[in-house]
PDB file of N, CA and C in Angstrom:
ATOM      1  N   UNK A   1      -4.916 -14.594  12.939  1.00  0.00           N
ATOM      2  CA  UNK A   1      -3.922 -13.763  13.344  1.00  0.00           C
ATOM      3  C   UNK A   1      -4.499 -12.439  13.888  1.00  0.00           C
ATOM      4  N   UNK A   2      -4.506 -11.460  14.636  1.00  0.00           N
ATOM      5  CA  UNK A   2      -5.321 -10.200  14.621  1.00  0.00           C
ATOM      6  C   UNK A   2      -5.549  -9.296  14.109  1.00  0.00           C
ATOM      7  N   UNK A   3      -6.494  -8.634  14.049  1.00  0.00           N
ATOM      8  CA  UNK A   3      -6.849  -8.204  13.362  1.00  0.00           C
ATOM      9  C   UNK A   3      -5.777  -6.881  12.861  1.00  0.00           C
ATOM     10  N   UNK A   4      -5.179  -6.225  14.848  1.00  0.00           N
ATOM     11  CA  UNK A   4      -4.551  -5.189  14.264  1.00  0.00           C
ATOM     12  C   UNK A   4      -3.255  -5.265  13.595  1.00  0.00           C
ATOM     13  N   UNK A   5      -2.659  -6.590  13.976  1.00  0.00           N
ATOM     14  CA  UNK A   5      -1.824  -7.317  12.675  1.00  0.00           C
ATOM     15  C   UNK A   5      -1.771  -7.111  11.712  1.00  0.00           C
ATOM     16  N   UNK A   6      -2.944  -7.416  11.067  1.00  0.00           N
ATOM     17  CA  UNK A   6      -3.248  -7.116   9.715  1.00  0.00           C
ATOM     18  C   UNK A   6      -3.184  -6.096   9.294  1.00  0.00           C
ATOM     19  N   UNK A   7      -3.518  -5.147   9.906  1.00  0.00           N
ATOM     20  CA  UNK A   7      -3.841  -3.810   9.376  1.00  0.00           C
ATOM     21  C   UNK A   7      -2.893  -3.057  10.066  1.00  0.00           C
ATOM     22  N   UNK A   8      -1.659  -2.602   8.841  1.00  0.00           N
ATOM     23  CA  UNK A   8      -0.674  -1.835   9.007  1.00  0.00           C
ATOM     24  C   UNK A   8      -0.496  -0.516   8.208  1.00  0.00           C
ATOM     25  N   UNK A   9      -0.291   0.683   9.037  1.00  0.00           N
ATOM     26  CA  UNK A   9      -0.667   1.935   7.486  1.00  0.00           C
ATOM     27  C   UNK A   9       0.952   2.167   7.207  1.00  0.00           C
ATOM     28  N   UNK A  10       1.117   2.548   5.892  1.00  0.00           N
ATOM     29  CA  UNK A  10       2.171   3.299   5.427  1.00  0.00           C
ATOM     30  C   UNK A  10       2.227   4.438   5.365  1.00  0.00           C
ATOM     31  N   UNK A  11       3.250   5.086   5.671  1.00  0.00           N
ATOM     32  CA  UNK A  11       3.315   6.816   5.849  1.00  0.00           C
ATOM     33  C   UNK A  11       3.361   7.252   4.095  1.00  0.00           C
ATOM     34  N   UNK A  12       3.542   8.431   4.418  1.00  0.00           N
ATOM     35  CA  UNK A  12       3.116   8.910   2.667  1.00  0.00           C
ATOM     36  C   UNK A  12       4.593   8.805   1.218  1.00  0.00           C
ATOM     37  N   UNK A  13       5.619   8.415   2.344  1.00  0.00           N
ATOM     38  CA  UNK A  13       7.195   8.598   1.607  1.00  0.00           C
ATOM     39  C   UNK A  13       6.803   7.139   1.137  1.00  0.00           C
ATOM     40  N   UNK A  14       6.808   5.638   1.760  1.00  0.00           N
ATOM     41  CA  UNK A  14       6.093   4.291   1.739  1.00  0.00           C
ATOM     42  C   UNK A  14       5.060   4.674   0.363  1.00  0.00           C
ATOM     43  N   UNK A  15       4.236   5.416   0.724  1.00  0.00           N
ATOM     44  CA  UNK A  15       3.420   5.361  -0.667  1.00  0.00           C
ATOM     45  C   UNK A  15       3.922   6.103  -1.761  1.00  0.00           C
ATOM     46  N   UNK A  16       4.842   6.555  -1.834  1.00  0.00           N
ATOM     47  CA  UNK A  16       5.839   6.995  -3.099  1.00  0.00           C
ATOM     48  C   UNK A  16       6.529   6.401  -3.127  1.00  0.00           C
ATOM     49  N   UNK A  17       7.081   5.628  -2.121  1.00  0.00           N
ATOM     50  CA  UNK A  17       8.072   4.516  -3.031  1.00  0.00           C
ATOM     51  C   UNK A  17       7.502   3.535  -3.764  1.00  0.00           C
ATOM     52  N   UNK A  18       6.551   2.675  -3.413  1.00  0.00           N
ATOM     53  CA  UNK A  18       5.665   1.789  -3.685  1.00  0.00           C
ATOM     54  C   UNK A  18       4.610   2.091  -5.217  1.00  0.00           C
ATOM     55  N   UNK A  19       4.232   3.003  -5.264  1.00  0.00           N
ATOM     56  CA  UNK A  19       4.094   3.539  -6.334  1.00  0.00           C
ATOM     57  C   UNK A  19       5.561   3.479  -7.669  1.00  0.00           C
ATOM     58  N   UNK A  20       6.169   4.515  -7.184  1.00  0.00           N
ATOM     59  CA  UNK A  20       7.314   4.597  -8.246  1.00  0.00           C
ATOM     60  C   UNK A  20       7.978   2.558  -8.236  1.00  0.00           C
ATOM     61  N   UNK A  21       8.102   2.105  -7.370  1.00  0.00           N
ATOM     62  CA  UNK A  21       8.494   0.665  -7.399  1.00  0.00           C
ATOM     63  C   UNK A  21       7.724  -0.049  -8.448  1.00  0.00           C
ATOM     64  N   UNK A  22       6.052  -0.213  -8.211  1.00  0.00           N
ATOM     65  CA  UNK A  22       5.610  -0.273  -8.887  1.00  0.00           C
ATOM     66  C   UNK A  22       5.600  -0.367 -10.066  1.00  0.00           C
ATOM     67  N   UNK A  23       5.071   0.732 -10.706  1.00  0.00           N
ATOM     68  CA  UNK A  23       5.510   1.493 -11.845  1.00  0.00           C
ATOM     69  C   UNK A  23       6.657   0.892 -12.708  1.00  0.00           C
ATOM     70  N   UNK A  24       7.649   1.038 -11.945  1.00  0.00           N
ATOM     71  CA  UNK A  24       9.261   0.952 -12.657  1.00  0.00           C
ATOM     72  C   UNK A  24       9.306  -0.440 -12.772  1.00  0.00           C
ATOM     73  N   UNK A  25       9.125  -1.628 -12.027  1.00  0.00           N
ATOM     74  CA  UNK A  25       9.012  -3.232 -11.982  1.00  0.00           C
ATOM     75  C   UNK A  25       7.805  -3.412 -13.472  1.00  0.00           C
ATOM     76  N   UNK A  26       6.450  -3.109 -13.283  1.00  0.00           N
ATOM     77  CA  UNK A  26       5.684  -3.457 -14.391  1.00  0.00           C
ATOM     78  C   UNK A  26       5.867  -3.347 -15.892  1.00  0.00           C
ATOM     79  N   UNK A  27       7.134  -1.848 -16.149  1.00  0.00           N
ATOM     80  CA  UNK A  27       7.233  -1.511 -17.355  1.00  0.00           C
ATOM     81  C   UNK A  27       8.420  -2.709 -17.421  1.00  0.00           C
ATOM     82  N   UNK A  28       9.762  -2.430 -16.898  1.00  0.00           N
ATOM     83  CA  UNK A  28      10.626  -3.524 -16.933  1.00  0.00           C
ATOM     84  C   UNK A  28      10.234  -5.418 -17.041  1.00  0.00           C
ATOM     85  N   UNK A  29       9.340  -5.251 -16.619  1.00  0.00           N
ATOM     86  CA  UNK A  29       8.949  -6.507 -16.791  1.00  0.00           C
ATOM     87  C   UNK A  29       8.043  -6.911 -17.867  1.00  0.00           C
ATOM     88  N   UNK A  30       7.017  -5.904 -18.505  1.00  0.00           N
ATOM     89  CA  UNK A  30       6.441  -5.723 -19.734  1.00  0.00           C
ATOM     90  C   UNK A  30       7.687  -5.257 -20.833  1.00  0.00           C
ATOM     91  N   UNK A  31       8.216  -4.869 -20.763  1.00  0.00           N
ATOM     92  CA  UNK A  31       9.516  -4.727 -21.538  1.00  0.00           C
ATOM     93  C   UNK A  31      10.189  -5.773 -21.911  1.00  0.00           C
ATOM     94  N   UNK A  32      10.661  -6.099 -20.794  1.00  0.00           N
ATOM     95  CA  UNK A  32      11.709  -7.459 -21.470  1.00  0.00           C
ATOM     96  C   UNK A  32      10.420  -8.546 -21.738  1.00  0.00           C
ATOM     97  N   UNK A  33       9.790  -8.842 -21.123  1.00  0.00           N
ATOM     98  CA  UNK A  33       8.383  -9.670 -22.110  1.00  0.00           C
ATOM     99  C   UNK A  33       8.270  -9.670 -23.055  1.00  0.00           C
ATOM    100  N   UNK A  34       8.200  -8.638 -23.647  1.00  0.00           N
ATOM    101  CA  UNK A  34       7.517  -8.318 -25.298  1.00  0.00           C
ATOM    102  C   UNK A  34       8.961  -8.416 -25.499  1.00  0.00           C
ATOM    103  N   UNK A  35      10.237  -8.019 -25.471  1.00  0.00           N
ATOM    104  CA  UNK A  35      11.607  -8.265 -25.772  1.00  0.00           C
ATOM    105  C   UNK A  35      12.022  -9.803 -26.282  1.00  0.00           C
ATOM    106  N   UNK A  36      11.768 -10.399 -25.062  1.00  0.00           N
ATOM    107  CA  UNK A  36      11.586 -12.121 -25.229  1.00  0.00           C
ATOM    108  C   UNK A  36      10.583 -13.184 -25.903  1.00  0.00           C
ATOM    109  N   UNK A  37       9.403 -12.175 -26.011  1.00  0.00           N
ATOM    110  CA  UNK A  37       8.507 -13.039 -26.595  1.00  0.00           C
ATOM    111  C   UNK A  37       8.810 -12.945 -28.616  1.00  0.00           C
ATOM    112  N   UNK A  38       9.412 -11.485 -28.722  1.00  0.00           N
ATOM    113  CA  UNK A  38       9.717 -11.386 -30.500  1.00  0.00           C
ATOM    114  C   UNK A  38      10.275 -11.682 -30.631  1.00  0.00           C
ATOM    115  N   UNK A  39      11.878 -12.041 -30.226  1.00  0.00           N
ATOM    116  CA  UNK A  39      13.133 -12.905 -30.366  1.00  0.00           C
ATOM    117  C   UNK A  39      12.216 -14.259 -30.632  1.00  0.00           C
ATOM    118  N   UNK A  40      11.914 -14.202 -29.318  1.00  0.00           N
ATOM    119  CA  UNK A  40      11.262 -16.538 -29.592  1.00  0.00           C
ATOM    120  C   UNK A  40      10.441 -16.622 -30.227  1.00  0.00           C
ATOM    121  N   UNK A  41       9.494 -15.981 -30.270  1.00  0.00           N
ATOM    122  CA  UNK A  41       8.743 -15.552 -31.318  1.00  0.00           C
ATOM    123  C   UNK A  41       7.374 -16.767 -30.555  1.00  0.00           C
ATOM    124  N   UNK A  42       7.265 -16.277 -29.380  1.00  0.00           N
ATOM    125  CA  UNK A  42       6.088 -17.570 -28.658  1.00  0.00           C
ATOM    126  C   UNK A  42       5.990 -16.287 -27.529  1.00  0.00           C
ATOM    127  N   UNK A  43       4.200 -16.200 -28.152  1.00  0.00           N
ATOM    128  CA  UNK A  43       3.378 -15.499 -27.126  1.00  0.00           C
ATOM    129  C   UNK A  43       3.052 -16.336 -25.504  1.00  0.00           C
ATOM    130  N   UNK A  44       3.830 -16.998 -25.550  1.00  0.00           N
ATOM    131  CA  UNK A  44       3.444 -17.927 -24.409  1.00  0.00           C
ATOM    132  C   UNK A  44       3.857 -17.598 -23.359  1.00  0.00           C
ATOM    133  N   UNK A  45       5.641 -17.482 -23.705  1.00  0.00           N
ATOM    134  CA  UNK A  45       6.681 -17.296 -23.157  1.00  0.00           C
ATOM    135  C   UNK A  45       7.086 -15.862 -22.893  1.00  0.00           C
ATOM    136  N   UNK A  46       6.120 -15.295 -23.496  1.00  0.00           N
ATOM    137  CA  UNK A  46       6.111 -13.570 -22.966  1.00  0.00           C
ATOM    138  C   UNK A  46       5.211 -13.444 -22.040  1.00  0.00           C
ATOM    139  N   UNK A  47       3.977 -14.325 -22.061  1.00  0.00           N
ATOM    140  CA  UNK A  47       3.364 -14.063 -21.299  1.00  0.00           C
ATOM    141  C   UNK A  47       3.164 -14.822 -19.901  1.00  0.00           C
ATOM    142  N   UNK A  48       4.153 -15.546 -19.582  1.00  0.00           N
ATOM    143  CA  UNK A  48       4.816 -15.921 -18.774  1.00  0.00           C
ATOM    144  C   UNK A  48       5.729 -15.131 -18.077  1.00  0.00           C
ATOM    145  N   UNK A  49       6.875 -14.086 -18.993  1.00  0.00           N
ATOM    146  CA  UNK A  49       7.495 -13.280 -18.456  1.00  0.00           C
ATOM    147  C   UNK A  49       6.638 -11.956 -17.955  1.00  0.00           C
ATOM    148  N   UNK A  50       5.962 -12.043 -18.316  1.00  0.00           N
ATOM    149  CA  UNK A  50       5.120 -10.664 -18.032  1.00  0.00           C
ATOM    150  C   UNK A  50       4.036 -11.188 -16.421  1.00  0.00           C
ATOM    151  N   UNK A  51       3.592 -12.269 -16.846  1.00  0.00           N
ATOM    152  CA  UNK A  51       2.681 -12.796 -15.505  1.00  0.00           C
ATOM    153  C   UNK A  51       4.059 -12.737 -13.908  1.00  0.00           C
ATOM    154  N   UNK A  52       5.456 -13.337 -14.289  1.00  0.00           N
ATOM    155  CA  UNK A  52       6.081 -13.624 -13.533  1.00  0.00           C
ATOM    156  C   UNK A  52       6.346 -12.091 -13.363  1.00  0.00           C
ATOM    157  N   UNK A  53       6.885 -11.060 -13.462  1.00  0.00           N
ATOM    158  CA  UNK A  53       6.923  -9.460 -13.181  1.00  0.00           C
ATOM    159  C   UNK A  53       5.814  -9.309 -12.745  1.00  0.00           C
ATOM    160  N   UNK A  54       4.774  -9.523 -13.035  1.00  0.00           N
ATOM    161  CA  UNK A  54       3.133  -8.804 -11.921  1.00  0.00           C
ATOM    162  C   UNK A  54       3.316  -9.542 -10.725  1.00  0.00           C
ATOM    163  N   UNK A  55       3.630 -10.851 -10.871  1.00  0.00           N
ATOM    164  CA  UNK A  55       3.857 -11.574  -9.175  1.00  0.00           C
ATOM    165  C   UNK A  55       4.468 -10.873  -8.639  1.00  0.00           C
ATOM    166  N   UNK A  56       6.168 -10.909  -9.151  1.00  0.00           N
ATOM    167  CA  UNK A  56       7.154  -9.965  -8.079  1.00  0.00           C
ATOM    168  C   UNK A  56       6.710  -8.757  -8.079  1.00  0.00           C
ATOM    169  N   UNK A  57       5.844  -8.031  -8.544  1.00  0.00           N
ATOM    170  CA  UNK A  57       5.467  -6.932  -7.912  1.00  0.00           C
ATOM    171  C   UNK A  57       4.839  -6.917  -7.060  1.00  0.00           C
ATOM    172  N   UNK A  58       3.793  -8.166  -7.122  1.00  0.00           N
ATOM    173  CA  UNK A  58       2.636  -7.839  -6.228  1.00  0.00           C
ATOM    174  C   UNK A  58       3.089  -8.204  -4.547  1.00  0.00           C
ATOM    175  N   UNK A  59       4.305  -9.301  -4.819  1.00  0.00           N
ATOM    176  CA  UNK A  59       5.297  -9.651  -3.671  1.00  0.00           C
ATOM    177  C   UNK A  59       5.647  -8.586  -2.778  1.00  0.00           C
ATOM    178  N   UNK A  60       6.402  -7.838  -3.602  1.00  0.00           N
ATOM    179  CA  UNK A  60       7.342  -6.545  -3.501  1.00  0.00           C
ATOM    180  C   UNK A  60       6.467  -5.099  -3.290  1.00  0.00           C
ATOM    181  N   UNK A  61       5.381  -5.301  -3.443  1.00  0.00           N
ATOM    182  CA  UNK A  61       4.701  -3.493  -3.376  1.00  0.00           C
ATOM    183  C   UNK A  61       3.565  -4.001  -1.834  1.00  0.00           C
ATOM    184  N   UNK A  62       2.496  -4.971  -2.129  1.00  0.00           N
ATOM    185  CA  UNK A  62       1.484  -5.065  -1.614  1.00  0.00           C
ATOM    186  C   UNK A  62       1.947  -5.658  -0.156  1.00  0.00           C
ATOM    187  N   UNK A  63       2.301  -6.292   0.278  1.00  0.00           N
ATOM    188  CA  UNK A  63       2.575  -5.744   1.933  1.00  0.00           C
ATOM    189  C   UNK A  63       2.975  -4.677   2.435  1.00  0.00           C
ATOM    190  N   UNK A  64       3.218  -4.775   3.773  1.00  0.00           N
ATOM    191  CA  UNK A  64       3.360  -3.394   4.248  1.00  0.00           C
ATOM    192  C   UNK A  64       4.828  -3.643   5.121  1.00  0.00           C
ATOM    193  N   UNK A  65       5.819  -3.959   4.103  1.00  0.00           N
ATOM    194  CA  UNK A  65       6.981  -3.872   4.860  1.00  0.00           C
ATOM    195  C   UNK A  65       7.559  -2.829   5.469  1.00  0.00           C
ATOM    196  N   UNK A  66       8.870  -3.002   5.687  1.00  0.00           N
ATOM    197  CA  UNK A  66       9.125  -2.283   7.144  1.00  0.00           C
ATOM    198  C   UNK A  66      10.086  -0.809   6.009  1.00  0.00           C
ATOM    199  N   UNK A  67      10.080  -1.076   4.928  1.00  0.00           N
ATOM    200  CA  UNK A  67      10.800   0.006   4.213  1.00  0.00           C
ATOM    201  C   UNK A  67       9.476   1.317   3.823  1.00  0.00           C
ATOM    202  N   UNK A  68       8.411   0.495   3.836  1.00  0.00           N
ATOM    203  CA  UNK A  68       7.559   1.870   3.553  1.00  0.00           C
ATOM    204  C   UNK A  68       6.876   2.247   4.501  1.00  0.00           C
ATOM    205  N   UNK A  69       7.379   2.011   6.096  1.00  0.00           N
ATOM    206  CA  UNK A  69       6.784   2.846   7.054  1.00  0.00           C
ATOM    207  C   UNK A  69       8.389   3.913   7.973  1.00  0.00           C
ATOM    208  N   UNK A  70       9.254   3.977   7.106  1.00  0.00           N
ATOM    209  CA  UNK A  70      10.364   4.140   7.642  1.00  0.00           C
ATOM    210  C   UNK A  70      10.148   6.184   8.030  1.00  0.00           C
ATOM    211  N   UNK A  71       9.085   6.781   7.638  1.00  0.00           N
ATOM    212  CA  UNK A  71       8.645   7.838   7.927  1.00  0.00           C
ATOM    213  C   UNK A  71       7.556   8.115   8.816  1.00  0.00           C
ATOM    214  N   UNK A  72       7.438   7.931   9.711  1.00  0.00           N
ATOM    215  CA  UNK A  72       5.629   8.073  10.509  1.00  0.00           C
ATOM    216  C   UNK A  72       5.178   9.409  10.518  1.00  0.00           C
ATOM    217  N   UNK A  73       3.834   9.643  10.388  1.00  0.00           N
ATOM    218  CA  UNK A  73       3.606  11.081  10.285  1.00  0.00           C
ATOM    219  C   UNK A  73       3.358  11.654  11.377  1.00  0.00           C
ATOM    220  N   UNK A  74       3.348  12.395  11.851  1.00  0.00           N
ATOM    221  CA  UNK A  74       3.565  13.728  12.772  1.00  0.00           C
ATOM    222  C   UNK A  74       2.260  14.066  12.948  1.00  0.00           C
ATOM    223  N   UNK A  75       0.913  14.117  13.489  1.00  0.00           N
ATOM    224  CA  UNK A  75      -0.003  14.730  13.374  1.00  0.00           C
ATOM    225  C   UNK A  75      -0.152  15.522  14.106  1.00  0.00           C
ATOM    226  N   UNK A  76      -0.996  16.464  13.747  1.00  0.00           N
ATOM    227  CA  UNK A  76      -0.642  17.939  15.083  1.00  0.00           C
ATOM    228  C   UNK A  76      -1.708  17.634  16.246  1.00  0.00           C
ATOM    229  N   UNK A  77      -2.077  18.490  17.045  1.00  0.00           N
ATOM    230  CA  UNK A  77      -2.777  17.993  18.039  1.00  0.00           C
ATOM    231  C   UNK A  77      -4.387  18.464  17.606  1.00  0.00           C
ATOM    232  N   UNK A  78      -5.092  17.983  18.450  1.00  0.00           N
ATOM    233  CA  UNK A  78      -6.367  18.689  18.050  1.00  0.00           C
ATOM    234  C   UNK A  78      -6.310  19.959  18.614  1.00  0.00           C
ATOM    235  N   UNK A  79      -7.419  21.031  18.143  1.00  0.00           N
ATOM    236  CA  UNK A  79      -7.127  22.511  18.820  1.00  0.00           C
ATOM    237  C   UNK A  79      -8.764  22.374  19.102  1.00  0.00           C
ATOM    238  N   UNK A  80      -8.376  23.335  20.530  1.00  0.00           N
ATOM    239  CA  UNK A  80      -9.597  23.614  21.273  1.00  0.00           C
ATOM    240  C   UNK A  80     -10.592  22.286  22.032  1.00  0.00           C
ATOM    241  N   UNK A  81      -9.159  21.241  21.926  1.00  0.00           N
ATOM    242  CA  UNK A  81      -9.903  20.228  23.003  1.00  0.00           C
ATOM    243  C   UNK A  81     -10.254  20.622  24.050  1.00  0.00           C
ATOM    244  N   UNK A  82     -11.134  19.934  24.783  1.00  0.00           N
ATOM    245  CA  UNK A  82     -11.283  20.542  26.613  1.00  0.00           C
ATOM    246  C   UNK A  82     -11.104  19.199  26.848  1.00  0.00           C
ATOM    247  N   UNK A  83     -10.734  19.578  28.094  1.00  0.00           N
ATOM    248  CA  UNK A  83     -10.328  18.421  28.879  1.00  0.00           C
ATOM    249  C   UNK A  83     -11.405  17.521  29.670  1.00  0.00           C
ATOM    250  N   UNK A  84     -12.428  17.900  29.209  1.00  0.00           N
ATOM    251  CA  UNK A  84     -13.636  16.853  29.914  1.00  0.00           C
ATOM    252  C   UNK A  84     -14.718  16.975  28.955  1.00  0.00           C
ATOM    253  N   UNK A  85     -15.393  15.896  28.897  1.00  0.00           N
ATOM    254  CA  UNK A  85     -16.318  15.070  27.841  1.00  0.00           C
ATOM    255  C   UNK A  85     -17.438  15.712  28.244  1.00  0.00           C
ATOM    256  N   UNK A  86     -18.508  16.090  27.139  1.00  0.00           N
ATOM    257  CA  UNK A  86     -19.591  16.205  27.438  1.00  0.00           C
ATOM    258  C   UNK A  86     -20.336  15.610  27.113  1.00  0.00           C
ATOM    259  N   UNK A  87     -19.716  14.220  26.663  1.00  0.00           N
ATOM    260  CA  UNK A  87     -20.880  13.027  26.528  1.00  0.00           C
ATOM    261  C   UNK A  87     -21.963  12.745  25.374  1.00  0.00           C
ATOM    262  N   UNK A  88     -22.011  11.504  25.045  1.00  0.00           N
ATOM    263  CA  UNK A  88     -23.085  11.530  23.939  1.00  0.00           C
ATOM    264  C   UNK A  88     -24.525  11.542  24.439  1.00  0.00           C
ATOM    265  N   UNK A  89     -25.394  12.372  23.408  1.00  0.00           N
ATOM    266  CA  UNK A  89     -26.478  12.437  23.682  1.00  0.00           C
ATOM    267  C   UNK A  89     -27.372  11.763  22.959  1.00  0.00           C
ATOM    268  N   UNK A  90     -28.202  11.555  22.973  1.00  0.00           N
ATOM    269  CA  UNK A  90     -29.258  11.089  21.742  1.00  0.00           C
ATOM    270  C   UNK A  90     -30.641  10.709  22.190  1.00  0.00           C
ATOM    271  N   UNK A  91     -31.553  11.385  21.577  1.00  0.00           N
ATOM    272  CA  UNK A  91     -32.365  11.435  21.383  1.00  0.00           C
ATOM    273  C   UNK A  91     -33.173  12.191  23.125  1.00  0.00           C
ATOM    274  N   UNK A  92     -32.115  12.650  23.437  1.00  0.00           N
ATOM    275  CA  UNK A  92     -31.905  14.033  24.695  1.00  0.00           C
ATOM    276  C   UNK A  92     -31.652  12.711  25.961  1.00  0.00           C
ATOM    277  N   UNK A  93     -31.149  11.808  25.708  1.00  0.00           N
ATOM    278  CA  UNK A  93     -30.348  11.154  27.242  1.00  0.00           C
ATOM    279  C   UNK A  93     -29.468  11.032  26.937  1.00  0.00           C
ATOM    280  N   UNK A  94     -28.544  10.739  28.026  1.00  0.00           N
ATOM    281  CA  UNK A  94     -26.495  10.836  28.172  1.00  0.00           C
ATOM    282  C   UNK A  94     -26.770   9.382  28.443  1.00  0.00           C
ATOM    283  N   UNK A  95     -26.049   9.303  26.849  1.00  0.00           N
ATOM    284  CA  UNK A  95     -25.720   7.884  26.598  1.00  0.00           C
ATOM    285  C   UNK A  95     -24.155   6.596  27.453  1.00  0.00           C
ATOM    286  N   UNK A  96     -23.318   8.815  27.549  1.00  0.00           N
ATOM    287  CA  UNK A  96     -21.935   8.314  28.137  1.00  0.00           C
ATOM    288  C   UNK A  96     -21.472   9.295  28.481  1.00  0.00           C
ATOM    289  N   UNK A  97     -20.429   9.248  29.693  1.00  0.00           N
ATOM    290  CA  UNK A  97     -20.100  10.601  29.671  1.00  0.00           C
ATOM    291  C   UNK A  97     -19.263  10.732  31.004  1.00  0.00           C
TER     292      UNK A  97
END
């Protein structure tokens, strides 16, 4: 895969949604794991439920799904930018101009 395909930017609303979703899913799966483990008196079962909830949260929140990129950021233009470049000077020598 190309690096540009791997790097995708989430918008601010998408970040807020991802944070809310991860908090809700982890809290819910933790509560369910505790209740199931308490009722069945089985710590392994509670851990399995907790790990399954964590894995589900990981799959839903970590990849940059399209739902997290619905509100693209509109950046302001650069103020005072000149139309011509001054070039890049290193040790008094013009490298690019």
